[in-house]
Amino acid sequence: MIRLDGWMTTLAGEASLAALDALMPAPATGDTRTPRQRRHDALEDLTNYLDRGDTPTVGGEKPHINAVCDLLALQGIAGGLHETENGHVLTIAELRALACDCSLSRIVFGPDGEIIDVGRRARVIPSALRRGLIVRDRHCTWKGCDRDPRWCDVHHIKHWADGGNTEPGNLRLLCRYHHSVTHLLEDPDRGPPNHT
């Protein structure tokens, strides 16, 4: 877990609260999250800003999360490498949720840790396909949830690391919360997301 704690100026704090309130529609039927958990999820939804085309670049790239993993971890097999570049260990479910709709770069290391090959970045979900899914699904496809597609990830029903194709019949829109829940439900060692 990562803890955020600190003081903001009154205007920055009020603007942040207004943004969180805007991202917290009334809970859907059956949504048992507390207001605190819903604020957490709204803050996570703000990270969708990173996907926008007008975000500033840092070191020539758009803001992004780098995860370092091996093929076994992507395939859902425990024991492999799965962490952020900052050293925060990810669960297999968290890694697979990130990798479900992401850009990938293949880096091959030799036996002594030398870099042998760095593949070009490949987009898993092309933007044209995402637009088609938005027209088809209209909102989060979790039963009872109607989150706007702007706040949804594209989920592979059969994960691409397990041989699932990146085609409309294997894809659906899920809001960030229900996307996380879906991947956590695939992990028998964990339950729904723990918001603290």
N, C-alpha and C. Protein backbone atom coordinates (compact mmCIF):
# COMPACT_ATOMS: atom_id res chain seq x y z
N MET A 1 0.84 -1.18 0.00
CA MET A 1 0.00 0.00 0.00
C MET A 1 0.89 1.24 0.00
N ILE A 2 0.39 2.31 -0.58
CA ILE A 2 1.09 3.59 -0.57
C ILE A 2 0.21 4.59 0.18
N ARG A 3 0.79 5.30 1.14
CA ARG A 3 0.02 6.25 1.94
C ARG A 3 0.29 7.66 1.44
N LEU A 4 -0.80 8.42 1.22
CA LEU A 4 -0.70 9.82 0.88
C LEU A 4 -1.17 10.62 2.09
N ASP A 5 -0.37 11.57 2.52
CA ASP A 5 -0.73 12.37 3.68
C ASP A 5 -0.08 13.73 3.53
N GLY A 6 -0.81 14.77 3.81
CA GLY A 6 -0.21 16.08 3.72
C GLY A 6 -1.26 17.17 3.75
N TRP A 7 -0.80 18.42 3.76
CA TRP A 7 -1.67 19.57 3.80
C TRP A 7 -1.67 20.25 2.45
N MET A 8 -2.80 20.80 2.07
CA MET A 8 -2.92 21.54 0.82
C MET A 8 -3.41 22.94 1.14
N THR A 9 -3.14 23.87 0.23
CA THR A 9 -3.72 25.20 0.42
C THR A 9 -5.23 25.06 0.32
N THR A 10 -5.95 26.04 0.85
CA THR A 10 -7.42 25.98 0.86
C THR A 10 -7.96 25.82 -0.55
N LEU A 11 -7.46 26.61 -1.51
CA LEU A 11 -7.99 26.53 -2.87
C LEU A 11 -7.65 25.20 -3.53
N ALA A 12 -6.42 24.72 -3.36
CA ALA A 12 -6.05 23.43 -3.94
C ALA A 12 -6.86 22.31 -3.31
N GLY A 13 -7.07 22.38 -2.00
CA GLY A 13 -7.85 21.37 -1.31
C GLY A 13 -9.31 21.37 -1.76
N GLU A 14 -9.89 22.56 -1.87
CA GLU A 14 -11.29 22.65 -2.32
C GLU A 14 -11.43 22.15 -3.76
N ALA A 15 -10.46 22.50 -4.61
CA ALA A 15 -10.51 22.03 -6.00
C ALA A 15 -10.40 20.51 -6.05
N SER A 16 -9.54 19.95 -5.20
CA SER A 16 -9.39 18.49 -5.16
C SER A 16 -10.67 17.82 -4.68
N LEU A 17 -11.28 18.38 -3.64
CA LEU A 17 -12.55 17.82 -3.14
C LEU A 17 -13.65 17.92 -4.19
N ALA A 18 -13.69 19.05 -4.91
CA ALA A 18 -14.70 19.20 -5.97
C ALA A 18 -14.49 18.16 -7.07
N ALA A 19 -13.23 17.91 -7.42
CA ALA A 19 -12.93 16.91 -8.45
C ALA A 19 -13.35 15.52 -7.97
N LEU A 20 -13.05 15.19 -6.72
CA LEU A 20 -13.43 13.89 -6.18
C LEU A 20 -14.94 13.74 -6.13
N ASP A 21 -15.65 14.80 -5.70
CA ASP A 21 -17.11 14.75 -5.65
C ASP A 21 -17.70 14.51 -7.04
N ALA A 22 -17.09 15.14 -8.05
CA ALA A 22 -17.60 14.97 -9.42
C ALA A 22 -17.41 13.54 -9.91
N LEU A 23 -16.41 12.87 -9.39
CA LEU A 23 -16.13 11.50 -9.81
C LEU A 23 -16.84 10.45 -8.94
N MET A 24 -17.64 10.92 -7.98
CA MET A 24 -18.32 10.00 -7.07
C MET A 24 -19.83 10.07 -7.27
N PRO A 25 -20.34 9.48 -8.34
CA PRO A 25 -21.80 9.46 -8.50
C PRO A 25 -22.43 8.62 -7.40
N ALA A 26 -23.74 8.69 -7.28
CA ALA A 26 -24.42 7.86 -6.29
C ALA A 26 -24.04 6.40 -6.52
N PRO A 27 -23.84 5.64 -5.45
CA PRO A 27 -23.43 4.25 -5.64
C PRO A 27 -24.49 3.44 -6.37
N ALA A 28 -24.03 2.50 -7.19
CA ALA A 28 -24.95 1.62 -7.92
C ALA A 28 -25.58 0.65 -6.94
N THR A 29 -26.69 0.07 -7.32
CA THR A 29 -27.36 -0.94 -6.50
C THR A 29 -26.37 -2.05 -6.17
N GLY A 30 -26.27 -2.39 -4.90
CA GLY A 30 -25.37 -3.45 -4.48
C GLY A 30 -23.95 -2.98 -4.20
N ASP A 31 -23.64 -1.71 -4.44
CA ASP A 31 -22.29 -1.19 -4.17
C ASP A 31 -22.18 -0.97 -2.66
N THR A 32 -21.35 -1.76 -2.01
CA THR A 32 -21.24 -1.71 -0.55
C THR A 32 -20.03 -0.90 -0.07
N ARG A 33 -19.37 -0.18 -0.98
CA ARG A 33 -18.21 0.61 -0.57
C ARG A 33 -18.63 1.75 0.36
N THR A 34 -17.77 2.02 1.33
CA THR A 34 -18.01 3.15 2.22
C THR A 34 -17.66 4.44 1.48
N PRO A 35 -18.10 5.61 2.01
CA PRO A 35 -17.69 6.87 1.37
C PRO A 35 -16.17 6.99 1.25
N ARG A 36 -15.45 6.53 2.25
CA ARG A 36 -13.99 6.59 2.21
C ARG A 36 -13.45 5.74 1.06
N GLN A 37 -14.00 4.54 0.88
CA GLN A 37 -13.57 3.68 -0.22
C GLN A 37 -13.94 4.30 -1.56
N ARG A 38 -15.08 4.94 -1.65
CA ARG A 38 -15.50 5.58 -2.90
C ARG A 38 -14.60 6.77 -3.22
N ARG A 39 -14.17 7.52 -2.19
CA ARG A 39 -13.22 8.62 -2.42
C ARG A 39 -11.89 8.07 -2.94
N HIS A 40 -11.44 6.95 -2.37
CA HIS A 40 -10.22 6.30 -2.86
C HIS A 40 -10.36 5.99 -4.35
N ASP A 41 -11.48 5.40 -4.73
CA ASP A 41 -11.68 5.01 -6.12
C ASP A 41 -11.80 6.23 -7.03
N ALA A 42 -12.40 7.31 -6.52
CA ALA A 42 -12.49 8.55 -7.30
C ALA A 42 -11.09 9.13 -7.52
N LEU A 43 -10.25 9.09 -6.50
CA LEU A 43 -8.87 9.57 -6.66
C LEU A 43 -8.14 8.71 -7.69
N GLU A 44 -8.38 7.40 -7.67
CA GLU A 44 -7.77 6.52 -8.66
C GLU A 44 -8.28 6.87 -10.06
N ASP A 45 -9.58 7.22 -10.17
CA ASP A 45 -10.13 7.61 -11.46
C ASP A 45 -9.44 8.84 -12.03
N LEU A 46 -8.99 9.73 -11.14
CA LEU A 46 -8.28 10.92 -11.61
C LEU A 46 -7.01 10.55 -12.38
N THR A 47 -6.47 9.36 -12.11
CA THR A 47 -5.26 8.95 -12.82
C THR A 47 -5.52 8.72 -14.30
N ASN A 48 -6.79 8.60 -14.70
CA ASN A 48 -7.09 8.49 -16.13
C ASN A 48 -6.60 9.72 -16.89
N TYR A 49 -6.35 10.80 -16.16
CA TYR A 49 -5.77 12.00 -16.76
C TYR A 49 -4.46 11.65 -17.48
N LEU A 50 -3.75 10.66 -16.96
CA LEU A 50 -2.47 10.29 -17.57
C LEU A 50 -2.63 9.81 -19.00
N ASP A 51 -3.83 9.28 -19.35
CA ASP A 51 -4.07 8.77 -20.70
C ASP A 51 -4.43 9.86 -21.70
N ARG A 52 -4.69 11.06 -21.23
CA ARG A 52 -5.12 12.13 -22.14
C ARG A 52 -3.98 12.57 -23.04
N GLY A 53 -4.34 13.01 -24.22
CA GLY A 53 -3.32 13.40 -25.20
C GLY A 53 -2.60 14.69 -24.89
N ASP A 54 -3.15 15.54 -23.98
CA ASP A 54 -2.55 16.85 -23.75
C ASP A 54 -1.75 16.91 -22.45
N THR A 55 -1.41 15.76 -21.88
CA THR A 55 -0.60 15.77 -20.67
C THR A 55 0.84 16.14 -21.03
N PRO A 56 1.55 16.79 -20.11
CA PRO A 56 2.93 17.17 -20.40
C PRO A 56 3.84 15.95 -20.44
N THR A 57 4.97 16.09 -21.11
CA THR A 57 5.93 15.00 -21.16
C THR A 57 7.00 15.20 -20.10
N VAL A 58 7.52 14.10 -19.63
CA VAL A 58 8.64 14.10 -18.67
C VAL A 58 9.70 13.22 -19.27
N GLY A 59 10.85 13.78 -19.58
CA GLY A 59 11.90 13.00 -20.23
C GLY A 59 11.47 12.47 -21.58
N GLY A 60 10.59 13.21 -22.28
CA GLY A 60 10.16 12.84 -23.61
C GLY A 60 8.99 11.87 -23.65
N GLU A 61 8.44 11.48 -22.49
CA GLU A 61 7.32 10.55 -22.45
C GLU A 61 6.17 11.12 -21.64
N LYS A 62 4.95 10.66 -21.96
CA LYS A 62 3.78 11.01 -21.18
C LYS A 62 3.90 10.38 -19.80
N PRO A 63 3.24 10.96 -18.78
CA PRO A 63 3.27 10.33 -17.45
C PRO A 63 2.74 8.90 -17.55
N HIS A 64 3.37 7.98 -16.85
CA HIS A 64 2.96 6.58 -16.94
C HIS A 64 3.49 5.81 -15.72
N ILE A 65 3.02 4.61 -15.57
CA ILE A 65 3.51 3.70 -14.53
C ILE A 65 4.33 2.63 -15.23
N ASN A 66 5.53 2.41 -14.76
CA ASN A 66 6.36 1.32 -15.28
C ASN A 66 6.29 0.15 -14.31
N ALA A 67 5.94 -1.00 -14.83
CA ALA A 67 5.97 -2.23 -14.04
C ALA A 67 7.01 -3.15 -14.65
N VAL A 68 7.78 -3.79 -13.81
CA VAL A 68 8.80 -4.72 -14.25
C VAL A 68 8.32 -6.12 -13.89
N CYS A 69 8.26 -7.00 -14.88
CA CYS A 69 7.75 -8.34 -14.59
C CYS A 69 8.35 -9.33 -15.58
N ASP A 70 8.11 -10.60 -15.29
CA ASP A 70 8.50 -11.63 -16.23
C ASP A 70 7.25 -12.29 -16.79
N LEU A 71 7.43 -13.12 -17.79
CA LEU A 71 6.29 -13.75 -18.47
C LEU A 71 5.46 -14.60 -17.52
N LEU A 72 6.10 -15.30 -16.59
CA LEU A 72 5.35 -16.13 -15.65
C LEU A 72 4.35 -15.30 -14.85
N ALA A 73 4.78 -14.14 -14.37
CA ALA A 73 3.89 -13.28 -13.60
C ALA A 73 2.72 -12.81 -14.46
N LEU A 74 2.99 -12.43 -15.71
CA LEU A 74 1.90 -12.01 -16.61
C LEU A 74 0.91 -13.14 -16.85
N GLN A 75 1.40 -14.37 -16.82
CA GLN A 75 0.53 -15.53 -17.02
C GLN A 75 -0.18 -15.94 -15.75
N GLY A 76 0.02 -15.19 -14.65
CA GLY A 76 -0.68 -15.47 -13.40
C GLY A 76 -0.01 -16.51 -12.54
N ILE A 77 1.26 -16.79 -12.81
CA ILE A 77 1.99 -17.80 -12.04
C ILE A 77 2.85 -17.10 -11.00
N ALA A 78 2.61 -17.41 -9.75
CA ALA A 78 3.35 -16.76 -8.66
C ALA A 78 4.81 -17.16 -8.70
N GLY A 79 5.65 -16.34 -8.09
CA GLY A 79 7.06 -16.65 -7.98
C GLY A 79 7.93 -15.85 -8.91
N GLY A 80 7.31 -15.22 -9.92
CA GLY A 80 8.09 -14.41 -10.85
C GLY A 80 8.27 -13.00 -10.33
N LEU A 81 8.86 -12.17 -11.15
CA LEU A 81 9.11 -10.78 -10.83
C LEU A 81 7.87 -9.95 -11.17
N HIS A 82 7.40 -9.12 -10.24
CA HIS A 82 6.26 -8.25 -10.50
C HIS A 82 6.28 -7.08 -9.52
N GLU A 83 6.83 -5.97 -9.99
CA GLU A 83 6.95 -4.79 -9.15
C GLU A 83 7.00 -3.54 -10.01
N THR A 84 6.79 -2.38 -9.37
CA THR A 84 6.93 -1.13 -10.09
C THR A 84 8.41 -0.80 -10.19
N GLU A 85 8.75 0.15 -11.05
CA GLU A 85 10.16 0.51 -11.16
C GLU A 85 10.66 1.18 -9.89
N ASN A 86 9.73 1.63 -9.02
CA ASN A 86 10.10 2.23 -7.74
C ASN A 86 10.29 1.18 -6.66
N GLY A 87 10.08 -0.10 -7.00
CA GLY A 87 10.31 -1.18 -6.06
C GLY A 87 9.09 -1.63 -5.26
N HIS A 88 7.90 -1.08 -5.53
CA HIS A 88 6.69 -1.54 -4.85
C HIS A 88 6.25 -2.85 -5.47
N VAL A 89 6.16 -3.89 -4.65
CA VAL A 89 5.77 -5.20 -5.15
C VAL A 89 4.28 -5.20 -5.47
N LEU A 90 3.94 -5.71 -6.65
CA LEU A 90 2.55 -5.83 -7.08
C LEU A 90 2.09 -7.26 -6.88
N THR A 91 0.81 -7.44 -6.55
CA THR A 91 0.28 -8.80 -6.55
C THR A 91 0.13 -9.22 -8.01
N ILE A 92 -0.01 -10.50 -8.23
CA ILE A 92 -0.24 -11.00 -9.60
C ILE A 92 -1.50 -10.36 -10.16
N ALA A 93 -2.56 -10.26 -9.34
CA ALA A 93 -3.82 -9.66 -9.80
C ALA A 93 -3.62 -8.19 -10.18
N GLU A 94 -2.85 -7.43 -9.40
CA GLU A 94 -2.60 -6.03 -9.72
C GLU A 94 -1.81 -5.91 -11.03
N LEU A 95 -0.81 -6.77 -11.19
CA LEU A 95 -0.01 -6.75 -12.42
C LEU A 95 -0.89 -7.05 -13.62
N ARG A 96 -1.72 -8.08 -13.53
CA ARG A 96 -2.57 -8.47 -14.65
C ARG A 96 -3.61 -7.39 -14.95
N ALA A 97 -4.09 -6.69 -13.93
CA ALA A 97 -5.03 -5.59 -14.16
C ALA A 97 -4.34 -4.47 -14.93
N LEU A 98 -3.11 -4.12 -14.53
CA LEU A 98 -2.35 -3.09 -15.25
C LEU A 98 -2.07 -3.52 -16.69
N ALA A 99 -1.70 -4.77 -16.87
CA ALA A 99 -1.29 -5.26 -18.18
C ALA A 99 -2.47 -5.52 -19.10
N CYS A 100 -3.68 -5.51 -18.56
CA CYS A 100 -4.86 -5.80 -19.37
C CYS A 100 -5.05 -4.75 -20.47
N ASP A 101 -4.74 -3.50 -20.18
CA ASP A 101 -4.91 -2.40 -21.13
C ASP A 101 -3.71 -1.48 -20.98
N CYS A 102 -2.62 -1.78 -21.69
CA CYS A 102 -1.38 -1.04 -21.46
C CYS A 102 -0.51 -1.02 -22.71
N SER A 103 0.60 -0.35 -22.59
CA SER A 103 1.67 -0.44 -23.59
C SER A 103 2.75 -1.34 -23.01
N LEU A 104 3.32 -2.16 -23.86
CA LEU A 104 4.35 -3.10 -23.41
C LEU A 104 5.67 -2.83 -24.10
N SER A 105 6.76 -2.98 -23.36
CA SER A 105 8.10 -2.95 -23.94
C SER A 105 8.81 -4.21 -23.51
N ARG A 106 9.29 -4.96 -24.46
CA ARG A 106 10.02 -6.19 -24.15
C ARG A 106 11.50 -5.84 -23.97
N ILE A 107 12.07 -6.27 -22.85
CA ILE A 107 13.49 -6.08 -22.60
C ILE A 107 14.07 -7.45 -22.25
N VAL A 108 15.05 -7.90 -23.00
CA VAL A 108 15.65 -9.22 -22.78
C VAL A 108 17.02 -9.02 -22.15
N PHE A 109 17.23 -9.73 -21.02
CA PHE A 109 18.51 -9.67 -20.32
C PHE A 109 19.28 -10.96 -20.53
N GLY A 110 20.58 -10.83 -20.58
CA GLY A 110 21.45 -12.00 -20.68
C GLY A 110 21.71 -12.60 -19.31
N PRO A 111 22.48 -13.68 -19.26
CA PRO A 111 22.72 -14.38 -17.99
C PRO A 111 23.48 -13.54 -16.96
N ASP A 112 24.22 -12.54 -17.41
CA ASP A 112 24.96 -11.69 -16.49
C ASP A 112 24.28 -10.35 -16.26
N GLY A 113 23.00 -10.24 -16.63
CA GLY A 113 22.24 -9.01 -16.41
C GLY A 113 22.41 -7.96 -17.49
N GLU A 114 23.15 -8.27 -18.56
CA GLU A 114 23.33 -7.30 -19.63
C GLU A 114 22.06 -7.25 -20.50
N ILE A 115 21.75 -6.07 -21.01
CA ILE A 115 20.57 -5.91 -21.87
C ILE A 115 20.93 -6.41 -23.26
N ILE A 116 20.20 -7.42 -23.72
CA ILE A 116 20.44 -8.00 -25.05
C ILE A 116 19.54 -7.35 -26.10
N ASP A 117 18.28 -7.06 -25.73
CA ASP A 117 17.34 -6.53 -26.71
C ASP A 117 16.28 -5.70 -25.99
N VAL A 118 15.93 -4.58 -26.60
CA VAL A 118 14.81 -3.76 -26.13
C VAL A 118 13.86 -3.62 -27.30
N GLY A 119 12.69 -4.26 -27.18
CA GLY A 119 11.70 -4.21 -28.25
C GLY A 119 10.96 -2.88 -28.26
N ARG A 120 10.35 -2.56 -29.39
CA ARG A 120 9.55 -1.36 -29.49
C ARG A 120 8.31 -1.49 -28.64
N ARG A 121 7.81 -0.35 -28.16
CA ARG A 121 6.59 -0.35 -27.37
C ARG A 121 5.42 -0.72 -28.26
N ALA A 122 4.58 -1.63 -27.79
CA ALA A 122 3.41 -2.07 -28.55
C ALA A 122 2.16 -1.78 -27.73
N ARG A 123 1.18 -1.18 -28.36
CA ARG A 123 -0.08 -0.87 -27.68
C ARG A 123 -0.98 -2.09 -27.73
N VAL A 124 -1.46 -2.53 -26.60
CA VAL A 124 -2.30 -3.72 -26.54
C VAL A 124 -3.70 -3.41 -27.07
N ILE A 125 -4.30 -2.28 -26.68
CA ILE A 125 -5.64 -1.90 -27.14
C ILE A 125 -5.49 -0.68 -28.06
N PRO A 126 -5.61 -0.86 -29.37
CA PRO A 126 -5.51 0.30 -30.28
C PRO A 126 -6.66 1.28 -30.01
N SER A 127 -6.39 2.56 -30.19
CA SER A 127 -7.39 3.58 -29.88
C SER A 127 -8.66 3.42 -30.71
N ALA A 128 -8.56 3.00 -31.97
CA ALA A 128 -9.76 2.81 -32.79
C ALA A 128 -10.64 1.70 -32.22
N LEU A 129 -10.02 0.63 -31.72
CA LEU A 129 -10.78 -0.45 -31.11
C LEU A 129 -11.46 0.02 -29.83
N ARG A 130 -10.75 0.82 -29.04
CA ARG A 130 -11.34 1.38 -27.81
C ARG A 130 -12.56 2.22 -28.15
N ARG A 131 -12.46 3.04 -29.20
CA ARG A 131 -13.62 3.87 -29.60
C ARG A 131 -14.80 2.99 -29.97
N GLY A 132 -14.55 1.88 -30.67
CA GLY A 132 -15.62 0.96 -31.03
C GLY A 132 -16.27 0.33 -29.80
N LEU A 133 -15.46 -0.02 -28.81
CA LEU A 133 -15.98 -0.61 -27.58
C LEU A 133 -16.83 0.40 -26.82
N ILE A 134 -16.42 1.67 -26.85
CA ILE A 134 -17.21 2.71 -26.18
C ILE A 134 -18.58 2.83 -26.83
N VAL A 135 -18.61 2.80 -28.16
CA VAL A 135 -19.90 2.87 -28.85
C VAL A 135 -20.75 1.65 -28.53
N ARG A 136 -20.13 0.47 -28.47
CA ARG A 136 -20.87 -0.76 -28.20
C ARG A 136 -21.35 -0.84 -26.74
N ASP A 137 -20.42 -0.63 -25.78
CA ASP A 137 -20.74 -0.87 -24.37
C ASP A 137 -21.40 0.32 -23.69
N ARG A 138 -21.07 1.53 -24.09
CA ARG A 138 -21.64 2.78 -23.57
C ARG A 138 -21.19 3.16 -22.16
N HIS A 139 -20.88 2.17 -21.32
CA HIS A 139 -20.50 2.43 -19.92
C HIS A 139 -19.88 1.15 -19.36
N CYS A 140 -19.51 1.18 -18.10
CA CYS A 140 -18.99 -0.02 -17.43
C CYS A 140 -20.01 -1.14 -17.59
N THR A 141 -19.52 -2.33 -17.96
CA THR A 141 -20.43 -3.46 -18.21
C THR A 141 -20.69 -4.31 -16.97
N TRP A 142 -20.16 -3.93 -15.81
CA TRP A 142 -20.46 -4.65 -14.58
C TRP A 142 -21.93 -4.45 -14.28
N LYS A 143 -22.63 -5.51 -13.92
CA LYS A 143 -24.07 -5.44 -13.67
C LYS A 143 -24.40 -4.36 -12.64
N GLY A 144 -25.25 -3.42 -13.04
CA GLY A 144 -25.69 -2.36 -12.15
C GLY A 144 -24.80 -1.13 -12.14
N CYS A 145 -23.68 -1.15 -12.86
CA CYS A 145 -22.78 0.01 -12.87
C CYS A 145 -22.92 0.74 -14.20
N ASP A 146 -23.01 2.05 -14.13
CA ASP A 146 -23.15 2.84 -15.35
C ASP A 146 -22.08 3.92 -15.46
N ARG A 147 -20.88 3.63 -14.93
CA ARG A 147 -19.78 4.59 -15.02
C ARG A 147 -19.50 4.93 -16.47
N ASP A 148 -19.32 6.20 -16.73
CA ASP A 148 -19.04 6.74 -18.05
C ASP A 148 -17.80 6.09 -18.64
N PRO A 149 -17.78 5.85 -19.96
CA PRO A 149 -16.60 5.18 -20.56
C PRO A 149 -15.30 5.94 -20.40
N ARG A 150 -15.38 7.26 -20.15
CA ARG A 150 -14.14 8.01 -19.91
C ARG A 150 -13.38 7.47 -18.72
N TRP A 151 -14.09 6.83 -17.79
CA TRP A 151 -13.49 6.34 -16.56
C TRP A 151 -13.35 4.82 -16.58
N CYS A 152 -13.36 4.24 -17.77
CA CYS A 152 -13.28 2.78 -17.89
C CYS A 152 -11.98 2.34 -18.52
N ASP A 153 -11.54 1.16 -18.10
CA ASP A 153 -10.44 0.45 -18.75
C ASP A 153 -11.05 -0.54 -19.72
N VAL A 154 -10.24 -1.01 -20.67
CA VAL A 154 -10.67 -2.10 -21.53
C VAL A 154 -10.11 -3.39 -20.91
N HIS A 155 -11.01 -4.32 -20.64
CA HIS A 155 -10.65 -5.57 -19.98
C HIS A 155 -10.68 -6.73 -20.97
N HIS A 156 -9.60 -7.51 -20.98
CA HIS A 156 -9.58 -8.76 -21.75
C HIS A 156 -10.32 -9.82 -20.93
N ILE A 157 -11.39 -10.38 -21.45
CA ILE A 157 -12.14 -11.42 -20.74
C ILE A 157 -11.22 -12.62 -20.53
N LYS A 158 -10.56 -13.07 -21.58
CA LYS A 158 -9.46 -14.04 -21.45
C LYS A 158 -8.19 -13.23 -21.65
N HIS A 159 -7.39 -13.13 -20.60
CA HIS A 159 -6.22 -12.26 -20.61
C HIS A 159 -5.32 -12.58 -21.81
N TRP A 160 -4.76 -11.54 -22.44
CA TRP A 160 -3.90 -11.75 -23.60
C TRP A 160 -2.69 -12.60 -23.24
N ALA A 161 -2.21 -12.53 -21.99
CA ALA A 161 -1.06 -13.34 -21.58
C ALA A 161 -1.42 -14.82 -21.52
N ASP A 162 -2.72 -15.12 -21.46
CA ASP A 162 -3.20 -16.50 -21.46
C ASP A 162 -3.68 -16.93 -22.83
N GLY A 163 -3.38 -16.14 -23.86
CA GLY A 163 -3.78 -16.48 -25.22
C GLY A 163 -5.05 -15.80 -25.70
N GLY A 164 -5.61 -14.92 -24.88
CA GLY A 164 -6.82 -14.20 -25.29
C GLY A 164 -6.52 -13.18 -26.37
N ASN A 165 -7.40 -13.09 -27.36
CA ASN A 165 -7.19 -12.16 -28.48
C ASN A 165 -7.65 -10.76 -28.11
N THR A 166 -7.00 -9.78 -28.73
CA THR A 166 -7.41 -8.39 -28.57
C THR A 166 -8.39 -8.09 -29.69
N GLU A 167 -9.63 -8.55 -29.50
CA GLU A 167 -10.70 -8.36 -30.47
C GLU A 167 -11.99 -8.10 -29.70
N PRO A 168 -12.95 -7.44 -30.33
CA PRO A 168 -14.17 -7.02 -29.61
C PRO A 168 -14.84 -8.13 -28.80
N GLY A 169 -14.92 -9.34 -29.32
CA GLY A 169 -15.60 -10.42 -28.60
C GLY A 169 -14.92 -10.83 -27.31
N ASN A 170 -13.67 -10.44 -27.12
CA ASN A 170 -12.92 -10.79 -25.91
C ASN A 170 -12.66 -9.57 -25.03
N LEU A 171 -13.31 -8.46 -25.34
CA LEU A 171 -13.06 -7.21 -24.62
C LEU A 171 -14.36 -6.64 -24.08
N ARG A 172 -14.24 -5.94 -22.94
CA ARG A 172 -15.39 -5.23 -22.39
C ARG A 172 -14.89 -4.04 -21.59
N LEU A 173 -15.73 -3.02 -21.47
CA LEU A 173 -15.39 -1.86 -20.65
C LEU A 173 -15.72 -2.15 -19.20
N LEU A 174 -14.79 -1.84 -18.31
CA LEU A 174 -15.01 -1.94 -16.88
C LEU A 174 -14.43 -0.69 -16.22
N CYS A 175 -15.18 -0.08 -15.31
CA CYS A 175 -14.63 1.06 -14.57
C CYS A 175 -13.43 0.56 -13.77
N ARG A 176 -12.58 1.48 -13.34
CA ARG A 176 -11.35 1.08 -12.66
C ARG A 176 -11.63 0.19 -11.45
N TYR A 177 -12.66 0.51 -10.66
CA TYR A 177 -12.99 -0.29 -9.48
C TYR A 177 -13.38 -1.71 -9.88
N HIS A 178 -14.31 -1.85 -10.81
CA HIS A 178 -14.77 -3.19 -11.18
C HIS A 178 -13.70 -3.96 -11.98
N HIS A 179 -12.81 -3.24 -12.65
CA HIS A 179 -11.68 -3.90 -13.31
C HIS A 179 -10.78 -4.53 -12.25
N SER A 180 -10.50 -3.78 -11.19
CA SER A 180 -9.68 -4.32 -10.10
C SER A 180 -10.36 -5.52 -9.45
N VAL A 181 -11.67 -5.39 -9.20
CA VAL A 181 -12.41 -6.49 -8.58
C VAL A 181 -12.34 -7.73 -9.46
N THR A 182 -12.52 -7.57 -10.76
CA THR A 182 -12.49 -8.70 -11.68
C THR A 182 -11.16 -9.45 -11.59
N HIS A 183 -10.05 -8.71 -11.58
CA HIS A 183 -8.75 -9.37 -11.50
C HIS A 183 -8.50 -9.96 -10.13
N LEU A 184 -8.99 -9.32 -9.08
CA LEU A 184 -8.82 -9.89 -7.75
C LEU A 184 -9.64 -11.16 -7.58
N LEU A 185 -10.80 -11.24 -8.24
CA LEU A 185 -11.61 -12.45 -8.17
C LEU A 185 -10.93 -13.61 -8.87
N GLU A 186 -10.01 -13.31 -9.83
CA GLU A 186 -9.23 -14.35 -10.49
C GLU A 186 -8.15 -14.91 -9.58
N ASP A 187 -7.82 -14.16 -8.52
CA ASP A 187 -6.74 -14.53 -7.61
C ASP A 187 -7.35 -15.19 -6.38
N PRO A 188 -7.24 -16.54 -6.24
CA PRO A 188 -7.91 -17.23 -5.13
C PRO A 188 -7.38 -16.85 -3.76
N ASP A 189 -6.21 -16.22 -3.67
CA ASP A 189 -5.63 -15.86 -2.39
C ASP A 189 -6.12 -14.51 -1.87
N ARG A 190 -6.93 -13.80 -2.69
CA ARG A 190 -7.35 -12.46 -2.29
C ARG A 190 -8.84 -12.30 -2.51
N GLY A 191 -9.40 -11.34 -1.83
CA GLY A 191 -10.81 -11.01 -2.00
C GLY A 191 -10.93 -9.68 -2.71
N PRO A 192 -12.07 -8.98 -2.52
CA PRO A 192 -12.24 -7.65 -3.12
C PRO A 192 -11.18 -6.68 -2.64
N PRO A 193 -10.97 -5.55 -3.36
CA PRO A 193 -9.93 -4.59 -2.98
C PRO A 193 -10.08 -4.10 -1.56
N ASN A 194 -8.97 -3.95 -0.88
CA ASN A 194 -8.97 -3.45 0.50
C ASN A 194 -8.63 -1.97 0.47
N HIS A 195 -9.61 -1.14 0.79
CA HIS A 195 -9.40 0.31 0.81
C HIS A 195 -9.21 0.74 2.25
N THR A 196 -8.07 1.33 2.54
CA THR A 196 -7.85 1.82 3.90
C THR A 196 -7.49 3.27 3.86
